[in-house]
Amino acid sequence: MTVHSVQYSMTAIEFELIYAQHKTLSITVHPEDLRVTVKAPGSSALSDIEAKVRKRTAGSCTSSGIWSGICPASRRGSTPAVNPIASWEREW
């Protein structure tokens, strides 16, 4: 596990990267401490992973309250989170 970060607006989003043997990329936000965990296929390039984290952050900051502590104030949505842990998986 390694720690990386991507720049979104004026905020650096740090995430723990775990390479695993599966075909999907999953991004999990832990609301208790706003920690972000990314699990990616072992063959994934870091630049591709960072691009997907940045893209997911951009979409989630306007639509999901779970990201409210991570997103810049001007991008925060007003919709409350339904699930206590936000997680997304995508086919790589």
Foldseek 3Di string as FASTA:
>chain_A
DDKDWEDADNAIQIAAEAEDADFKWKWKAQLVVRHIYIYHHPVDDPVVVNVVVRVVCQVCQAPEQSCCVRDDVVSHHDDYHDDNMDMDMDGD
